Structure formats: C-alpha cells, structure tokens
C-alpha cells in the first residue's frame, strides 16, 4: 500500500524537491498537492455455473451433444456486495472515509480460473451500483468495463482499464466504501455448439483503487 501524508508533501515543497506523488504535476485540476493518497487492492469473487445457463424450457439433464439449432440461454446477472473496510481492515482508509474526495480505478485485474464449463463463458459487463441495486439498470449504476469470454475449459487472465468518463461515474459509489459489483451478460448457443452446459467458471477480480482524501489537519 502506498501513502503519503500531507506533511511529507509540505516537506517536499519547502525543500524544492520534485515529488510527483504529492500531486504537484497532476493532470487533474481537482487534485490538491496536500491530499492524502491511499492505494488499496480489493478482491471480488463470483462464479457462473451450468444451472444459471439452463433455459427453463429445455431439459438440461440430457446428455451433452451438438445443438441442432440456436438456443437462447438465460441472461446472467450476478450481484456481489462489497464492503471495502470489512474486506481490507484498512484503518487509515476507515478514518479518512468522511474526507474522501474521489476514488480512481487504476486497473482491474481478472483471473478466470478454474474453468470447467463446456461452452464459451458469456462476456460480462461490470457495473458498480448502490448496495440496494439488484440489476445493472438501477439508478446510479456505473458501467466500468467488460470481461471477455473464455473458451470452453480454458483459463484466462488479463487487465481492464477504465475510461475517464466511467471513472467519474463510479467515483461517488466507491466513496461510500460499500457498493455492489454486478456482472451481467449472455451467451446464446449456436447450431453445432455443445448443449446443455456443464461445469462452472470462477472469476477473481482485483480492483486496484486510489483514494484521495482531504488531510486531517488543514494549514
């Protein structure tokens, strides 16, 4: 975890030392050189299994075989409630919670593993929502990126970056330190693909977050 107190920034300024971590050369006009900056990784995990991919009109107990035609699979919607303080036990972040000015997603690392699903996993849009939300269409929901599909029984890793526009939409939700991550998407079966689905896909996301807070002591 990286942190720099306001006193460290003052010392750098008075000593005429160039310290970019103090925000002296930030591209964001809202950055204050005396802000307290806290970096924290937050892990979010969930899974998609074959039951979630079974249409109510189909017999998903039948032996798996190539589908004779296209089949519409149900939309996947997985809400995961996140309490950053409970997950990380970060006392400094807890004490700064009332002074948070903005939260940036520096990146989102993802691991799709283990994966025993016998069909391609659906691409999943990721949304940050209030804790009361149950879907991506809830008021205040912010889209932050899309997890790619993984081939059958194939593990996958990568990193998502978040656009400035989506950063701005999600910042206030992160500032509450309690929110939901909702993964939403669908993947229909094409003719010749295996059906019904068998197995499951596990996801681990690591949100690399940067919190900016007003210093506890004003000058």
C-alpha atoms as a PDB file:
ATOM      1  CA  UNK A   1       0.000   0.000   0.000  1.00  0.00           C
ATOM      2  CA  UNK A   2       1.331   3.431  -0.883  1.00  0.00           C
ATOM      3  CA  UNK A   3       0.527   6.504   1.173  1.00  0.00           C
ATOM      4  CA  UNK A   4       1.935   9.999   1.528  1.00  0.00           C
ATOM      5  CA  UNK A   5       0.798  12.292   4.321  1.00  0.00           C
ATOM      6  CA  UNK A   6       0.217  15.999   3.821  1.00  0.00           C
ATOM      7  CA  UNK A   7       3.326  16.755   5.972  1.00  0.00           C
ATOM      8  CA  UNK A   8       5.503  14.742   3.575  1.00  0.00           C
ATOM      9  CA  UNK A   9       4.202  16.843   0.700  1.00  0.00           C
ATOM     10  CA  UNK A  10       4.894  20.070   2.594  1.00  0.00           C
ATOM     11  CA  UNK A  11       8.459  18.964   3.257  1.00  0.00           C
ATOM     12  CA  UNK A  12       8.945  18.192  -0.421  1.00  0.00           C
ATOM     13  CA  UNK A  13       7.651  21.602  -1.451  1.00  0.00           C
ATOM     14  CA  UNK A  14       9.746  23.536   1.069  1.00  0.00           C
ATOM     15  CA  UNK A  15      12.830  21.563   0.083  1.00  0.00           C
ATOM     16  CA  UNK A  16      12.115  22.264  -3.605  1.00  0.00           C
ATOM     17  CA  UNK A  17      12.141  18.536  -4.269  1.00  0.00           C
ATOM     18  CA  UNK A  18      10.029  17.327  -7.205  1.00  0.00           C
ATOM     19  CA  UNK A  19       7.707  14.670  -5.845  1.00  0.00           C
ATOM     20  CA  UNK A  20       5.032  13.675  -8.332  1.00  0.00           C
ATOM     21  CA  UNK A  21       3.253  11.561  -5.696  1.00  0.00           C
ATOM     22  CA  UNK A  22       2.240  14.771  -3.921  1.00  0.00           C
ATOM     23  CA  UNK A  23       0.126  15.744  -6.895  1.00  0.00           C
ATOM     24  CA  UNK A  24       2.298  18.691  -7.953  1.00  0.00           C
ATOM     25  CA  UNK A  25       2.117  17.733 -11.609  1.00  0.00           C
ATOM     26  CA  UNK A  26      -1.247  16.002 -11.734  1.00  0.00           C
ATOM     27  CA  UNK A  27      -3.255  16.337 -14.942  1.00  0.00           C
ATOM     28  CA  UNK A  28      -6.445  16.514 -12.880  1.00  0.00           C
ATOM     29  CA  UNK A  29      -7.328  20.078 -11.927  1.00  0.00           C
ATOM     30  CA  UNK A  30      -9.270  18.741  -8.925  1.00  0.00           C
ATOM     31  CA  UNK A  31      -6.130  17.238  -7.365  1.00  0.00           C
ATOM     32  CA  UNK A  32      -4.734  19.046  -4.347  1.00  0.00           C
ATOM     33  CA  UNK A  33      -0.978  18.740  -3.631  1.00  0.00           C
ATOM     34  CA  UNK A  34      -1.784  18.254   0.055  1.00  0.00           C
ATOM     35  CA  UNK A  35      -4.313  15.446  -0.398  1.00  0.00           C
ATOM     36  CA  UNK A  36      -3.823  12.203   1.463  1.00  0.00           C
ATOM     37  CA  UNK A  37      -3.468   9.405  -1.125  1.00  0.00           C
ATOM     38  CA  UNK A  38      -4.239   5.817  -0.159  1.00  0.00           C
ATOM     39  CA  UNK A  39      -3.885   2.864  -2.514  1.00  0.00           C
ATOM     40  CA  UNK A  40      -5.799  -0.328  -1.780  1.00  0.00           C
ATOM     41  CA  UNK A  41      -6.488  -3.547  -3.714  1.00  0.00           C
ATOM     42  CA  UNK A  42      -9.973  -5.013  -3.309  1.00  0.00           C
ATOM     43  CA  UNK A  43     -10.761  -8.596  -4.366  1.00  0.00           C
ATOM     44  CA  UNK A  44     -14.186  -9.604  -5.673  1.00  0.00           C
ATOM     45  CA  UNK A  45     -15.033 -13.235  -6.450  1.00  0.00           C
ATOM     46  CA  UNK A  46     -18.017 -14.970  -8.025  1.00  0.00           C
ATOM     47  CA  UNK A  47     -18.869 -17.943 -10.254  1.00  0.00           C
ATOM     48  CA  UNK A  48     -21.159 -18.887 -13.127  1.00  0.00           C
ATOM     49  CA  UNK A  49     -22.393 -22.482 -13.268  1.00  0.00           C
ATOM     50  CA  UNK A  50     -24.428 -24.648 -15.624  1.00  0.00           C
ATOM     51  CA  UNK A  51     -27.670 -24.137 -13.676  1.00  0.00           C
ATOM     52  CA  UNK A  52     -27.514 -20.421 -14.425  1.00  0.00           C
ATOM     53  CA  UNK A  53     -27.170 -21.254 -18.133  1.00  0.00           C
ATOM     54  CA  UNK A  54     -30.168 -23.603 -18.354  1.00  0.00           C
ATOM     55  CA  UNK A  55     -33.234 -22.256 -20.209  1.00  0.00           C
ATOM     56  CA  UNK A  56     -36.444 -23.083 -18.303  1.00  0.00           C
ATOM     57  CA  UNK A  57     -37.930 -24.618 -21.464  1.00  0.00           C
ATOM     58  CA  UNK A  58     -35.052 -27.058 -22.040  1.00  0.00           C
ATOM     59  CA  UNK A  59     -34.116 -30.398 -20.482  1.00  0.00           C
ATOM     60  CA  UNK A  60     -30.656 -29.738 -19.096  1.00  0.00           C
ATOM     61  CA  UNK A  61     -30.328 -33.260 -17.699  1.00  0.00           C
ATOM     62  CA  UNK A  62     -29.969 -34.683 -21.207  1.00  0.00           C
ATOM     63  CA  UNK A  63     -26.531 -35.846 -22.386  1.00  0.00           C
ATOM     64  CA  UNK A  64     -24.409 -33.090 -23.877  1.00  0.00           C
ATOM     65  CA  UNK A  65     -24.386 -33.098 -27.673  1.00  0.00           C
ATOM     66  CA  UNK A  66     -24.026 -30.641 -30.577  1.00  0.00           C
ATOM     67  CA  UNK A  67     -27.130 -28.476 -30.739  1.00  0.00           C
ATOM     68  CA  UNK A  68     -29.204 -28.898 -33.934  1.00  0.00           C
ATOM     69  CA  UNK A  69     -30.077 -25.202 -33.862  1.00  0.00           C
ATOM     70  CA  UNK A  70     -29.637 -21.961 -31.905  1.00  0.00           C
ATOM     71  CA  UNK A  71     -30.802 -21.877 -28.273  1.00  0.00           C
ATOM     72  CA  UNK A  72     -31.378 -18.753 -26.187  1.00  0.00           C
ATOM     73  CA  UNK A  73     -29.666 -19.034 -22.814  1.00  0.00           C
ATOM     74  CA  UNK A  74     -30.811 -17.033 -19.790  1.00  0.00           C
ATOM     75  CA  UNK A  75     -29.221 -13.674 -19.080  1.00  0.00           C
ATOM     76  CA  UNK A  76     -26.573 -13.946 -16.386  1.00  0.00           C
ATOM     77  CA  UNK A  77     -26.875 -11.403 -13.567  1.00  0.00           C
ATOM     78  CA  UNK A  78     -24.556 -11.797 -10.581  1.00  0.00           C
ATOM     79  CA  UNK A  79     -24.617  -9.110  -7.857  1.00  0.00           C
ATOM     80  CA  UNK A  80     -21.764  -9.127  -5.318  1.00  0.00           C
ATOM     81  CA  UNK A  81     -21.949  -6.849  -2.290  1.00  0.00           C
ATOM     82  CA  UNK A  82     -18.630  -5.250  -1.350  1.00  0.00           C
ATOM     83  CA  UNK A  83     -17.669  -3.630   1.974  1.00  0.00           C
ATOM     84  CA  UNK A  84     -14.142  -2.312   1.475  1.00  0.00           C
ATOM     85  CA  UNK A  85     -13.374  -1.730   5.152  1.00  0.00           C
ATOM     86  CA  UNK A  86     -14.636  -5.174   6.194  1.00  0.00           C
ATOM     87  CA  UNK A  87     -12.622  -6.818   3.403  1.00  0.00           C
ATOM     88  CA  UNK A  88      -9.344  -4.930   3.857  1.00  0.00           C
ATOM     89  CA  UNK A  89      -9.337  -3.875   7.537  1.00  0.00           C
ATOM     90  CA  UNK A  90      -7.598  -0.706   6.347  1.00  0.00           C
ATOM     91  CA  UNK A  91      -7.723   1.562   9.421  1.00  0.00           C
ATOM     92  CA  UNK A  92      -6.292   4.573   7.622  1.00  0.00           C
ATOM     93  CA  UNK A  93      -8.935   4.334   4.916  1.00  0.00           C
ATOM     94  CA  UNK A  94     -11.626   3.928   7.554  1.00  0.00           C
ATOM     95  CA  UNK A  95     -10.505   7.065   9.370  1.00  0.00           C
ATOM     96  CA  UNK A  96     -10.425   9.025   6.103  1.00  0.00           C
ATOM     97  CA  UNK A  97     -13.869   7.862   4.949  1.00  0.00           C
ATOM     98  CA  UNK A  98     -15.571  11.163   5.763  1.00  0.00           C
ATOM     99  CA  UNK A  99     -12.930  13.133   3.889  1.00  0.00           C
ATOM    100  CA  UNK A 100     -12.759  11.187   0.608  1.00  0.00           C
ATOM    101  CA  UNK A 101     -12.766  13.483  -2.417  1.00  0.00           C
ATOM    102  CA  UNK A 102     -12.558  10.921  -5.217  1.00  0.00           C
ATOM    103  CA  UNK A 103     -11.720   7.294  -5.928  1.00  0.00           C
ATOM    104  CA  UNK A 104      -9.967   6.154  -9.100  1.00  0.00           C
ATOM    105  CA  UNK A 105      -9.801   2.645 -10.545  1.00  0.00           C
ATOM    106  CA  UNK A 106      -6.202   2.370 -11.678  1.00  0.00           C
ATOM    107  CA  UNK A 107      -6.941  -1.022 -13.235  1.00  0.00           C
ATOM    108  CA  UNK A 108      -8.947  -4.209 -12.759  1.00  0.00           C
ATOM    109  CA  UNK A 109      -7.017  -7.485 -12.904  1.00  0.00           C
ATOM    110  CA  UNK A 110      -9.079 -10.585 -13.640  1.00  0.00           C
ATOM    111  CA  UNK A 111      -8.475 -14.316 -13.394  1.00  0.00           C
ATOM    112  CA  UNK A 112     -10.962 -16.712 -14.987  1.00  0.00           C
ATOM    113  CA  UNK A 113      -9.975 -19.985 -13.317  1.00  0.00           C
ATOM    114  CA  UNK A 114     -10.695 -22.743 -12.722  1.00  0.00           C
ATOM    115  CA  UNK A 115     -12.954 -23.107 -15.726  1.00  0.00           C
ATOM    116  CA  UNK A 116     -14.681 -26.421 -16.376  1.00  0.00           C
ATOM    117  CA  UNK A 117     -17.546 -25.001 -18.434  1.00  0.00           C
ATOM    118  CA  UNK A 118     -18.029 -26.959 -21.676  1.00  0.00           C
ATOM    119  CA  UNK A 119     -19.282 -23.915 -23.630  1.00  0.00           C
ATOM    120  CA  UNK A 120     -17.729 -20.465 -24.051  1.00  0.00           C
ATOM    121  CA  UNK A 121     -18.383 -18.342 -20.989  1.00  0.00           C
ATOM    122  CA  UNK A 122     -20.509 -15.253 -21.623  1.00  0.00           C
ATOM    123  CA  UNK A 123     -18.768 -11.880 -21.918  1.00  0.00           C
ATOM    124  CA  UNK A 124     -19.745  -9.985 -18.771  1.00  0.00           C
ATOM    125  CA  UNK A 125     -20.306  -6.273 -18.396  1.00  0.00           C
ATOM    126  CA  UNK A 126     -19.191  -4.981 -14.998  1.00  0.00           C
ATOM    127  CA  UNK A 127     -21.238  -2.360 -13.175  1.00  0.00           C
ATOM    128  CA  UNK A 128     -20.807  -0.544  -9.867  1.00  0.00           C
ATOM    129  CA  UNK A 129     -24.157   0.108  -8.177  1.00  0.00           C
ATOM    130  CA  UNK A 130     -25.596   1.183  -4.823  1.00  0.00           C
ATOM    131  CA  UNK A 131     -25.952  -1.640  -2.296  1.00  0.00           C
ATOM    132  CA  UNK A 132     -29.738  -1.702  -2.782  1.00  0.00           C
ATOM    133  CA  UNK A 133     -29.494  -2.469  -6.513  1.00  0.00           C
ATOM    134  CA  UNK A 134     -30.304  -5.852  -7.996  1.00  0.00           C
ATOM    135  CA  UNK A 135     -29.557  -5.156 -11.668  1.00  0.00           C
ATOM    136  CA  UNK A 136     -27.329  -3.092 -13.908  1.00  0.00           C
ATOM    137  CA  UNK A 137     -30.294  -0.881 -14.786  1.00  0.00           C
ATOM    138  CA  UNK A 138     -30.628   0.509 -11.251  1.00  0.00           C
ATOM    139  CA  UNK A 139     -30.485   4.268 -10.765  1.00  0.00           C
ATOM    140  CA  UNK A 140     -26.915   5.415 -10.294  1.00  0.00           C
ATOM    141  CA  UNK A 141     -25.307   2.309 -11.802  1.00  0.00           C
ATOM    142  CA  UNK A 142     -21.955   2.920 -13.487  1.00  0.00           C
ATOM    143  CA  UNK A 143     -20.510   0.704 -16.239  1.00  0.00           C
ATOM    144  CA  UNK A 144     -16.766   0.123 -15.802  1.00  0.00           C
ATOM    145  CA  UNK A 145     -15.761  -2.499 -18.388  1.00  0.00           C
ATOM    146  CA  UNK A 146     -16.361  -5.918 -19.939  1.00  0.00           C
ATOM    147  CA  UNK A 147     -14.816  -9.256 -19.012  1.00  0.00           C
ATOM    148  CA  UNK A 148     -14.102 -11.261 -22.171  1.00  0.00           C
ATOM    149  CA  UNK A 149     -15.479 -14.688 -22.949  1.00  0.00           C
ATOM    150  CA  UNK A 150     -13.258 -17.666 -22.141  1.00  0.00           C
ATOM    151  CA  UNK A 151     -13.141 -20.704 -24.410  1.00  0.00           C
ATOM    152  CA  UNK A 152     -14.529 -23.995 -23.056  1.00  0.00           C
ATOM    153  CA  UNK A 153     -12.441 -25.400 -20.183  1.00  0.00           C
ATOM    154  CA  UNK A 154      -9.838 -22.664 -20.754  1.00  0.00           C
ATOM    155  CA  UNK A 155      -8.398 -20.356 -18.120  1.00  0.00           C
ATOM    156  CA  UNK A 156      -7.860 -16.691 -18.878  1.00  0.00           C
ATOM    157  CA  UNK A 157      -6.194 -13.689 -17.212  1.00  0.00           C
ATOM    158  CA  UNK A 158      -5.912 -10.039 -18.115  1.00  0.00           C
ATOM    159  CA  UNK A 159      -6.327  -6.420 -17.066  1.00  0.00           C
ATOM    160  CA  UNK A 160      -9.130  -3.956 -17.732  1.00  0.00           C
ATOM    161  CA  UNK A 161      -8.641  -0.201 -17.831  1.00  0.00           C
ATOM    162  CA  UNK A 162     -11.483   2.207 -17.122  1.00  0.00           C
ATOM    163  CA  UNK A 163     -12.240   5.281 -19.229  1.00  0.00           C
ATOM    164  CA  UNK A 164     -12.205   8.746 -17.668  1.00  0.00           C
ATOM    165  CA  UNK A 165     -15.949   9.054 -18.224  1.00  0.00           C
ATOM    166  CA  UNK A 166     -16.663   5.787 -16.413  1.00  0.00           C
ATOM    167  CA  UNK A 167     -14.204   6.765 -13.645  1.00  0.00           C
ATOM    168  CA  UNK A 168     -16.215   9.908 -12.984  1.00  0.00           C
ATOM    169  CA  UNK A 169     -19.486   7.972 -12.817  1.00  0.00           C
ATOM    170  CA  UNK A 170     -18.183   5.351 -10.400  1.00  0.00           C
ATOM    171  CA  UNK A 171     -16.189   7.591  -8.038  1.00  0.00           C
ATOM    172  CA  UNK A 172     -19.093   8.599  -5.777  1.00  0.00           C
ATOM    173  CA  UNK A 173     -20.201   4.987  -5.430  1.00  0.00           C
ATOM    174  CA  UNK A 174     -16.714   3.936  -4.340  1.00  0.00           C
ATOM    175  CA  UNK A 175     -16.537   6.829  -1.865  1.00  0.00           C
ATOM    176  CA  UNK A 176     -19.349   5.204   0.129  1.00  0.00           C
ATOM    177  CA  UNK A 177     -16.946   2.249   0.666  1.00  0.00           C
ATOM    178  CA  UNK A 178     -19.969  -0.068   0.374  1.00  0.00           C
ATOM    179  CA  UNK A 179     -21.432  -0.927  -3.027  1.00  0.00           C
ATOM    180  CA  UNK A 180     -22.271  -3.795  -5.352  1.00  0.00           C
ATOM    181  CA  UNK A 181     -20.381  -5.144  -8.327  1.00  0.00           C
ATOM    182  CA  UNK A 182     -22.869  -6.585 -10.819  1.00  0.00           C
ATOM    183  CA  UNK A 183     -21.667  -8.890 -13.603  1.00  0.00           C
ATOM    184  CA  UNK A 184     -24.191  -9.091 -16.427  1.00  0.00           C
ATOM    185  CA  UNK A 185     -24.200 -10.734 -19.845  1.00  0.00           C
ATOM    186  CA  UNK A 186     -25.459 -13.541 -22.029  1.00  0.00           C
ATOM    187  CA  UNK A 187     -24.132 -16.124 -24.438  1.00  0.00           C
ATOM    188  CA  UNK A 188     -26.559 -17.979 -26.698  1.00  0.00           C
ATOM    189  CA  UNK A 189     -25.864 -21.416 -28.146  1.00  0.00           C
ATOM    190  CA  UNK A 190     -25.254 -21.574 -31.883  1.00  0.00           C
ATOM    191  CA  UNK A 191     -26.029 -24.598 -34.050  1.00  0.00           C
ATOM    192  CA  UNK A 192     -23.299 -27.189 -33.593  1.00  0.00           C
ATOM    193  CA  UNK A 193     -22.193 -25.960 -30.152  1.00  0.00           C
ATOM    194  CA  UNK A 194     -22.449 -28.214 -27.125  1.00  0.00           C
ATOM    195  CA  UNK A 195     -25.698 -28.221 -25.143  1.00  0.00           C
ATOM    196  CA  UNK A 196     -26.672 -28.367 -22.352  1.00  0.00           C
ATOM    197  CA  UNK A 197     -23.958 -26.517 -20.457  1.00  0.00           C
ATOM    198  CA  UNK A 198     -21.944 -28.452 -17.886  1.00  0.00           C
ATOM    199  CA  UNK A 199     -19.397 -27.232 -15.357  1.00  0.00           C
ATOM    200  CA  UNK A 200     -18.683 -23.772 -13.974  1.00  0.00           C
ATOM    201  CA  UNK A 201     -16.421 -20.771 -14.377  1.00  0.00           C
ATOM    202  CA  UNK A 202     -14.839 -18.985 -11.409  1.00  0.00           C
ATOM    203  CA  UNK A 203     -13.861 -15.320 -11.509  1.00  0.00           C
ATOM    204  CA  UNK A 204     -11.497 -13.355  -9.295  1.00  0.00           C
ATOM    205  CA  UNK A 205     -11.306  -9.593  -9.831  1.00  0.00           C
ATOM    206  CA  UNK A 206      -8.777  -7.323  -8.167  1.00  0.00           C
ATOM    207  CA  UNK A 207      -9.745  -3.650  -8.166  1.00  0.00           C
ATOM    208  CA  UNK A 208      -6.607  -1.513  -7.871  1.00  0.00           C
ATOM    209  CA  UNK A 209      -8.030   1.629  -6.278  1.00  0.00           C
ATOM    210  CA  UNK A 210      -6.576   5.038  -5.417  1.00  0.00           C
ATOM    211  CA  UNK A 211      -8.374   7.100  -2.784  1.00  0.00           C
ATOM    212  CA  UNK A 212      -7.806  10.844  -2.479  1.00  0.00           C
ATOM    213  CA  UNK A 213      -8.855  12.489   0.795  1.00  0.00           C
ATOM    214  CA  UNK A 214      -8.574  15.921   2.345  1.00  0.00           C
ATOM    215  CA  UNK A 215      -5.849  15.956   5.035  1.00  0.00           C
ATOM    216  CA  UNK A 216      -6.972  15.651   8.635  1.00  0.00           C
ATOM    217  CA  UNK A 217      -5.171  18.888   9.559  1.00  0.00           C
ATOM    218  CA  UNK A 218      -5.757  21.974   7.472  1.00  0.00           C
ATOM    219  CA  UNK A 219      -2.947  24.515   7.006  1.00  0.00           C
END
